[in-house]
Amino acid sequence: MIREAIIRHFDMNKTLSSASFSNQIFLADFGCSTGPNTFLAVQSILEAVQLKYQLEKRHNLDLSDDHQIPIIFQVFFNDHFSNDFNTLFKSLPPTRRYLAAGVPGSFHRRLFPNSSLHFICSSCALHWLSKVPSEVMDRTSPAWNKGKNHYTNAGEQVVKAYSDQYAEDMMSFFRARAEELVVGGLMMLLIPAVRIR
């Protein structure tokens, strides 16, 4: 699925020409944890981009001479400040073909300059909220959740409080990423979910 999306939708000319470093592709994984899932996702994306590059080069699909030099991949691994980045970097694949950097901080806000990322990915992280909704912790609120910080088997007011917080967090995430992504860049999100009633 990732490969097909990149082959079909990633415009090498437009995306690389909009970057100040014309042979470099910048990718950020938001909510990376300590691996190895992040490494698999990154590798899949980079292999697909490399394939797209080779296909365009082979078929001369208007790939300018500036882009005939090898692509340099820079991968930014993001997670909370408390993430064990030491374990992450000790676990980096020894045969990787990319430069790696850690970017600690909440993905619910801006972390990168405008138009600086070609790819954004996040696997199984966006279900984490920026905070527990305050109304579920307030004993006087109709959404009070008896001290629990989850909504399993909870009433409608509790579910609504979590749903509203999720909507707010997702809007913050998308606003931040919209500013960071280059024109023609791609975003791949894998979000776990459960059916509610």
C-alpha atoms as a PDB file:
ATOM      1  CA  MET A   1       0.000   0.000   0.000  1.00  0.00           C
ATOM      2  CA  ILE A   2       2.827   2.431   0.868  1.00  0.00           C
ATOM      3  CA  ARG A   3       4.749   1.564  -2.264  1.00  0.00           C
ATOM      4  CA  GLU A   4       1.717   2.016  -4.516  1.00  0.00           C
ATOM      5  CA  ALA A   5       0.855   5.382  -2.947  1.00  0.00           C
ATOM      6  CA  ILE A   6       4.396   6.682  -3.402  1.00  0.00           C
ATOM      7  CA  ILE A   7       4.680   5.405  -6.982  1.00  0.00           C
ATOM      8  CA  ARG A   8       1.330   6.944  -7.877  1.00  0.00           C
ATOM      9  CA  HIS A   9       1.349  10.213  -5.917  1.00  0.00           C
ATOM     10  CA  PHE A  10       4.907  11.307  -5.113  1.00  0.00           C
ATOM     11  CA  ASP A  11       6.018  13.892  -7.675  1.00  0.00           C
ATOM     12  CA  MET A  12       9.820  13.814  -7.595  1.00  0.00           C
ATOM     13  CA  ASN A  13      10.234  16.969  -9.688  1.00  0.00           C
ATOM     14  CA  LYS A  14       7.753  19.110  -7.795  1.00  0.00           C
ATOM     15  CA  THR A  15       8.753  17.888  -4.360  1.00  0.00           C
ATOM     16  CA  LEU A  16      12.507  18.005  -4.798  1.00  0.00           C
ATOM     17  CA  SER A  17      12.441  21.340  -6.632  1.00  0.00           C
ATOM     18  CA  SER A  18      10.483  22.882  -3.745  1.00  0.00           C
ATOM     19  CA  ALA A  19      13.220  21.893  -1.303  1.00  0.00           C
ATOM     20  CA  SER A  20      16.305  23.970  -0.669  1.00  0.00           C
ATOM     21  CA  PHE A  21      18.404  20.771  -0.753  1.00  0.00           C
ATOM     22  CA  SER A  22      17.471  19.317  -4.130  1.00  0.00           C
ATOM     23  CA  ASN A  23      18.896  15.820  -3.629  1.00  0.00           C
ATOM     24  CA  GLN A  24      17.798  15.338  -0.031  1.00  0.00           C
ATOM     25  CA  ILE A  25      14.563  13.809   1.196  1.00  0.00           C
ATOM     26  CA  PHE A  26      13.457  14.463   4.754  1.00  0.00           C
ATOM     27  CA  LEU A  27      11.149  12.036   6.530  1.00  0.00           C
ATOM     28  CA  ALA A  28       9.736  12.258  10.060  1.00  0.00           C
ATOM     29  CA  ASP A  29       8.218   9.417  12.060  1.00  0.00           C
ATOM     30  CA  PHE A  30       5.934  10.851  14.739  1.00  0.00           C
ATOM     31  CA  GLY A  31       5.569   8.655  17.823  1.00  0.00           C
ATOM     32  CA  CYS A  32       8.495   6.386  16.945  1.00  0.00           C
ATOM     33  CA  SER A  33       8.954   4.749  20.368  1.00  0.00           C
ATOM     34  CA  THR A  34      12.176   2.696  20.501  1.00  0.00           C
ATOM     35  CA  GLY A  35      11.824   0.557  17.353  1.00  0.00           C
ATOM     36  CA  PRO A  36      11.780  -1.891  15.570  1.00  0.00           C
ATOM     37  CA  ASN A  37       8.403  -0.999  13.992  1.00  0.00           C
ATOM     38  CA  THR A  38       9.629   2.481  13.172  1.00  0.00           C
ATOM     39  CA  PHE A  39      12.595   1.051  11.276  1.00  0.00           C
ATOM     40  CA  LEU A  40      10.319  -1.183   9.181  1.00  0.00           C
ATOM     41  CA  ALA A  41       8.032   1.730   8.281  1.00  0.00           C
ATOM     42  CA  VAL A  42      10.956   3.989   7.398  1.00  0.00           C
ATOM     43  CA  GLN A  43      12.621   1.277   5.314  1.00  0.00           C
ATOM     44  CA  SER A  44       9.391   0.639   3.367  1.00  0.00           C
ATOM     45  CA  ILE A  45       9.023   4.328   2.570  1.00  0.00           C
ATOM     46  CA  LEU A  46      12.656   4.789   1.561  1.00  0.00           C
ATOM     47  CA  GLU A  47      12.626   1.709  -0.677  1.00  0.00           C
ATOM     48  CA  ALA A  48       9.476   2.972  -2.404  1.00  0.00           C
ATOM     49  CA  VAL A  49      10.975   6.443  -2.943  1.00  0.00           C
ATOM     50  CA  GLN A  50      14.147   4.889  -4.328  1.00  0.00           C
ATOM     51  CA  LEU A  51      12.047   2.750  -6.683  1.00  0.00           C
ATOM     52  CA  LYS A  52      10.067   5.811  -7.804  1.00  0.00           C
ATOM     53  CA  TYR A  53      13.330   7.672  -8.415  1.00  0.00           C
ATOM     54  CA  GLN A  54      14.717   4.797 -10.492  1.00  0.00           C
ATOM     55  CA  LEU A  55      11.484   4.491 -12.506  1.00  0.00           C
ATOM     56  CA  GLU A  56      11.441   8.197 -13.304  1.00  0.00           C
ATOM     57  CA  LYS A  57      15.127   8.143 -14.172  1.00  0.00           C
ATOM     58  CA  ARG A  58      14.676   5.085 -16.386  1.00  0.00           C
ATOM     59  CA  HIS A  59      11.644   6.483 -18.185  1.00  0.00           C
ATOM     60  CA  ASN A  60      12.970  10.053 -18.370  1.00  0.00           C
ATOM     61  CA  LEU A  61       9.755  11.406 -16.898  1.00  0.00           C
ATOM     62  CA  ASP A  62      11.042  14.946 -16.859  1.00  0.00           C
ATOM     63  CA  LEU A  63      13.470  14.374 -14.013  1.00  0.00           C
ATOM     64  CA  SER A  64      15.883  17.294 -14.319  1.00  0.00           C
ATOM     65  CA  ASP A  65      19.652  16.872 -14.451  1.00  0.00           C
ATOM     66  CA  ASP A  66      19.910  18.221 -10.900  1.00  0.00           C
ATOM     67  CA  HIS A  67      18.222  15.056  -9.683  1.00  0.00           C
ATOM     68  CA  GLN A  68      20.550  12.592 -11.374  1.00  0.00           C
ATOM     69  CA  ILE A  69      22.766  12.539  -8.302  1.00  0.00           C
ATOM     70  CA  PRO A  70      22.000  10.016  -5.552  1.00  0.00           C
ATOM     71  CA  ILE A  71      19.303  10.899  -3.063  1.00  0.00           C
ATOM     72  CA  ILE A  72      20.337  11.472   0.538  1.00  0.00           C
ATOM     73  CA  PHE A  73      17.702  10.459   3.075  1.00  0.00           C
ATOM     74  CA  GLN A  74      17.434  12.181   6.459  1.00  0.00           C
ATOM     75  CA  VAL A  75      15.061  10.531   8.949  1.00  0.00           C
ATOM     76  CA  PHE A  76      13.822  12.314  12.048  1.00  0.00           C
ATOM     77  CA  PHE A  77      12.523  10.108  14.854  1.00  0.00           C
ATOM     78  CA  ASN A  78      10.035  11.923  17.086  1.00  0.00           C
ATOM     79  CA  ASP A  79       8.520  10.983  20.419  1.00  0.00           C
ATOM     80  CA  HIS A  80       7.965  12.476  23.867  1.00  0.00           C
ATOM     81  CA  PHE A  81      10.921  13.740  25.877  1.00  0.00           C
ATOM     82  CA  SER A  82      10.611  10.666  28.106  1.00  0.00           C
ATOM     83  CA  ASN A  83      11.115   8.266  25.183  1.00  0.00           C
ATOM     84  CA  ASP A  84      14.260   6.136  25.429  1.00  0.00           C
ATOM     85  CA  PHE A  85      16.122   7.633  22.468  1.00  0.00           C
ATOM     86  CA  ASN A  86      19.337   5.896  23.590  1.00  0.00           C
ATOM     87  CA  THR A  87      17.731   2.500  22.992  1.00  0.00           C
ATOM     88  CA  LEU A  88      16.302   3.744  19.696  1.00  0.00           C
ATOM     89  CA  PHE A  89      19.683   4.853  18.378  1.00  0.00           C
ATOM     90  CA  LYS A  90      21.496   1.764  19.673  1.00  0.00           C
ATOM     91  CA  SER A  91      18.939  -0.291  17.723  1.00  0.00           C
ATOM     92  CA  LEU A  92      19.344   1.528  14.404  1.00  0.00           C
ATOM     93  CA  PRO A  93      19.897  -0.993  11.610  1.00  0.00           C
ATOM     94  CA  PRO A  94      23.648  -1.128  10.915  1.00  0.00           C
ATOM     95  CA  THR A  95      23.034  -1.351   7.156  1.00  0.00           C
ATOM     96  CA  ARG A  96      20.662   1.633   7.009  1.00  0.00           C
ATOM     97  CA  ARG A  97      21.036   4.028   4.116  1.00  0.00           C
ATOM     98  CA  TYR A  98      19.862   7.170   5.854  1.00  0.00           C
ATOM     99  CA  LEU A  99      21.023   9.747   8.336  1.00  0.00           C
ATOM    100  CA  ALA A 100      19.142   9.679  11.632  1.00  0.00           C
ATOM    101  CA  ALA A 101      18.234  12.323  14.203  1.00  0.00           C
ATOM    102  CA  GLY A 102      15.977  12.442  17.247  1.00  0.00           C
ATOM    103  CA  VAL A 103      13.359  15.156  17.715  1.00  0.00           C
ATOM    104  CA  PRO A 104      11.859  15.036  21.206  1.00  0.00           C
ATOM    105  CA  GLY A 105       8.541  16.750  21.865  1.00  0.00           C
ATOM    106  CA  SER A 106       4.798  16.381  21.495  1.00  0.00           C
ATOM    107  CA  PHE A 107       3.560  15.755  17.960  1.00  0.00           C
ATOM    108  CA  HIS A 108       0.470  17.774  18.837  1.00  0.00           C
ATOM    109  CA  ARG A 109       2.468  20.935  18.050  1.00  0.00           C
ATOM    110  CA  ARG A 110       4.987  22.203  15.481  1.00  0.00           C
ATOM    111  CA  LEU A 111       8.392  20.532  15.555  1.00  0.00           C
ATOM    112  CA  PHE A 112       9.910  21.437  12.161  1.00  0.00           C
ATOM    113  CA  PRO A 113      10.351  24.532   9.961  1.00  0.00           C
ATOM    114  CA  ASN A 114       7.811  25.392   7.256  1.00  0.00           C
ATOM    115  CA  SER A 115       7.925  23.169   4.168  1.00  0.00           C
ATOM    116  CA  SER A 116      10.798  21.048   5.432  1.00  0.00           C
ATOM    117  CA  LEU A 117       9.450  17.467   5.319  1.00  0.00           C
ATOM    118  CA  HIS A 118       8.794  15.338   2.227  1.00  0.00           C
ATOM    119  CA  PHE A 119       7.217  12.450   4.132  1.00  0.00           C
ATOM    120  CA  ILE A 120       5.395  12.182   7.406  1.00  0.00           C
ATOM    121  CA  CYS A 121       4.547   8.850   8.956  1.00  0.00           C
ATOM    122  CA  SER A 122       3.040   7.715  12.203  1.00  0.00           C
ATOM    123  CA  SER A 123       2.228   4.140  13.119  1.00  0.00           C
ATOM    124  CA  CYS A 124       0.094   3.274  16.130  1.00  0.00           C
ATOM    125  CA  ALA A 125       0.777   6.548  17.960  1.00  0.00           C
ATOM    126  CA  LEU A 126      -1.976   9.014  17.074  1.00  0.00           C
ATOM    127  CA  HIS A 127      -4.490   7.395  19.394  1.00  0.00           C
ATOM    128  CA  TRP A 128      -2.513   8.837  22.334  1.00  0.00           C
ATOM    129  CA  LEU A 129      -4.154  12.014  23.544  1.00  0.00           C
ATOM    130  CA  SER A 130      -2.260  15.119  24.581  1.00  0.00           C
ATOM    131  CA  LYS A 131      -4.038  14.938  27.938  1.00  0.00           C
ATOM    132  CA  VAL A 132      -6.867  13.241  29.789  1.00  0.00           C
ATOM    133  CA  PRO A 133      -9.954  15.418  29.285  1.00  0.00           C
ATOM    134  CA  SER A 134     -10.322  17.567  32.401  1.00  0.00           C
ATOM    135  CA  GLU A 135     -14.067  16.962  32.663  1.00  0.00           C
ATOM    136  CA  VAL A 136     -13.610  13.203  33.197  1.00  0.00           C
ATOM    137  CA  MET A 137     -11.432  13.918  36.239  1.00  0.00           C
ATOM    138  CA  ASP A 138     -13.796  16.535  37.705  1.00  0.00           C
ATOM    139  CA  ARG A 139     -16.142  15.032  40.319  1.00  0.00           C
ATOM    140  CA  THR A 140     -18.725  17.769  39.656  1.00  0.00           C
ATOM    141  CA  SER A 141     -18.842  17.140  35.893  1.00  0.00           C
ATOM    142  CA  PRO A 142     -21.503  14.959  34.220  1.00  0.00           C
ATOM    143  CA  ALA A 143     -18.537  13.364  32.411  1.00  0.00           C
ATOM    144  CA  TRP A 144     -16.757  12.388  35.637  1.00  0.00           C
ATOM    145  CA  ASN A 145     -15.276   8.931  35.123  1.00  0.00           C
ATOM    146  CA  LYS A 146     -14.754   7.865  38.758  1.00  0.00           C
ATOM    147  CA  GLY A 147     -10.993   8.411  38.578  1.00  0.00           C
ATOM    148  CA  LYS A 148     -10.494   6.193  35.501  1.00  0.00           C
ATOM    149  CA  ASN A 149      -8.473   7.586  32.622  1.00  0.00           C
ATOM    150  CA  HIS A 150     -10.111   5.497  29.878  1.00  0.00           C
ATOM    151  CA  TYR A 151     -13.601   5.243  28.416  1.00  0.00           C
ATOM    152  CA  THR A 152     -14.146   1.480  28.231  1.00  0.00           C
ATOM    153  CA  ASN A 153     -17.764   0.755  29.247  1.00  0.00           C
ATOM    154  CA  ALA A 154     -18.222   4.423  30.192  1.00  0.00           C
ATOM    155  CA  GLY A 155     -21.280   6.605  29.715  1.00  0.00           C
ATOM    156  CA  GLU A 156     -21.992   8.875  26.754  1.00  0.00           C
ATOM    157  CA  GLN A 157     -20.644  12.020  28.466  1.00  0.00           C
ATOM    158  CA  VAL A 158     -17.292  10.316  29.085  1.00  0.00           C
ATOM    159  CA  VAL A 159     -17.077   9.035  25.512  1.00  0.00           C
ATOM    160  CA  LYS A 160     -17.967  12.513  24.222  1.00  0.00           C
ATOM    161  CA  ALA A 161     -15.248  14.114  26.374  1.00  0.00           C
ATOM    162  CA  TYR A 162     -12.629  11.744  24.958  1.00  0.00           C
ATOM    163  CA  SER A 163     -13.981  12.169  21.436  1.00  0.00           C
ATOM    164  CA  ASP A 164     -13.819  15.960  21.729  1.00  0.00           C
ATOM    165  CA  GLN A 165     -10.250  15.802  23.056  1.00  0.00           C
ATOM    166  CA  TYR A 166      -9.257  13.480  20.202  1.00  0.00           C
ATOM    167  CA  ALA A 167     -10.790  15.841  17.622  1.00  0.00           C
ATOM    168  CA  GLU A 168      -8.917  18.783  19.146  1.00  0.00           C
ATOM    169  CA  ASP A 169      -5.636  16.837  19.196  1.00  0.00           C
ATOM    170  CA  MET A 170      -6.018  15.652  15.609  1.00  0.00           C
ATOM    171  CA  MET A 171      -6.706  19.205  14.422  1.00  0.00           C
ATOM    172  CA  SER A 172      -3.539  20.347  16.204  1.00  0.00           C
ATOM    173  CA  PHE A 173      -1.580  17.490  14.619  1.00  0.00           C
ATOM    174  CA  PHE A 174      -2.863  18.200  11.099  1.00  0.00           C
ATOM    175  CA  ARG A 175      -2.362  21.969  11.375  1.00  0.00           C
ATOM    176  CA  ALA A 176       1.250  21.473  12.445  1.00  0.00           C
ATOM    177  CA  ARG A 177       1.981  18.908   9.751  1.00  0.00           C
ATOM    178  CA  ALA A 178       0.333  21.061   7.037  1.00  0.00           C
ATOM    179  CA  GLU A 179       2.907  23.757   7.737  1.00  0.00           C
ATOM    180  CA  GLU A 180       5.846  21.344   7.880  1.00  0.00           C
ATOM    181  CA  LEU A 181       5.093  19.295   4.739  1.00  0.00           C
ATOM    182  CA  VAL A 182       6.471  20.457   1.375  1.00  0.00           C
ATOM    183  CA  VAL A 183       4.134  20.925  -1.577  1.00  0.00           C
ATOM    184  CA  GLY A 184       3.622  17.453  -3.048  1.00  0.00           C
ATOM    185  CA  GLY A 185       4.763  15.701   0.138  1.00  0.00           C
ATOM    186  CA  LEU A 186       2.968  12.648   1.492  1.00  0.00           C
ATOM    187  CA  MET A 187       1.640  11.566   4.867  1.00  0.00           C
ATOM    188  CA  MET A 188       1.110   7.954   5.942  1.00  0.00           C
ATOM    189  CA  LEU A 189      -0.854   7.318   9.137  1.00  0.00           C
ATOM    190  CA  LEU A 190      -1.737   4.021  10.786  1.00  0.00           C
ATOM    191  CA  ILE A 191      -4.194   4.637  13.619  1.00  0.00           C
ATOM    192  CA  PRO A 192      -5.546   1.841  15.814  1.00  0.00           C
ATOM    193  CA  ALA A 193      -9.220   2.164  16.651  1.00  0.00           C
ATOM    194  CA  VAL A 194     -12.069   0.292  18.273  1.00  0.00           C
ATOM    195  CA  ARG A 195     -15.698   0.292  17.297  1.00  0.00           C
ATOM    196  CA  ILE A 196     -17.866   2.122  19.801  1.00  0.00           C
ATOM    197  CA  ARG A 197     -21.217   0.443  20.306  1.00  0.00           C
END
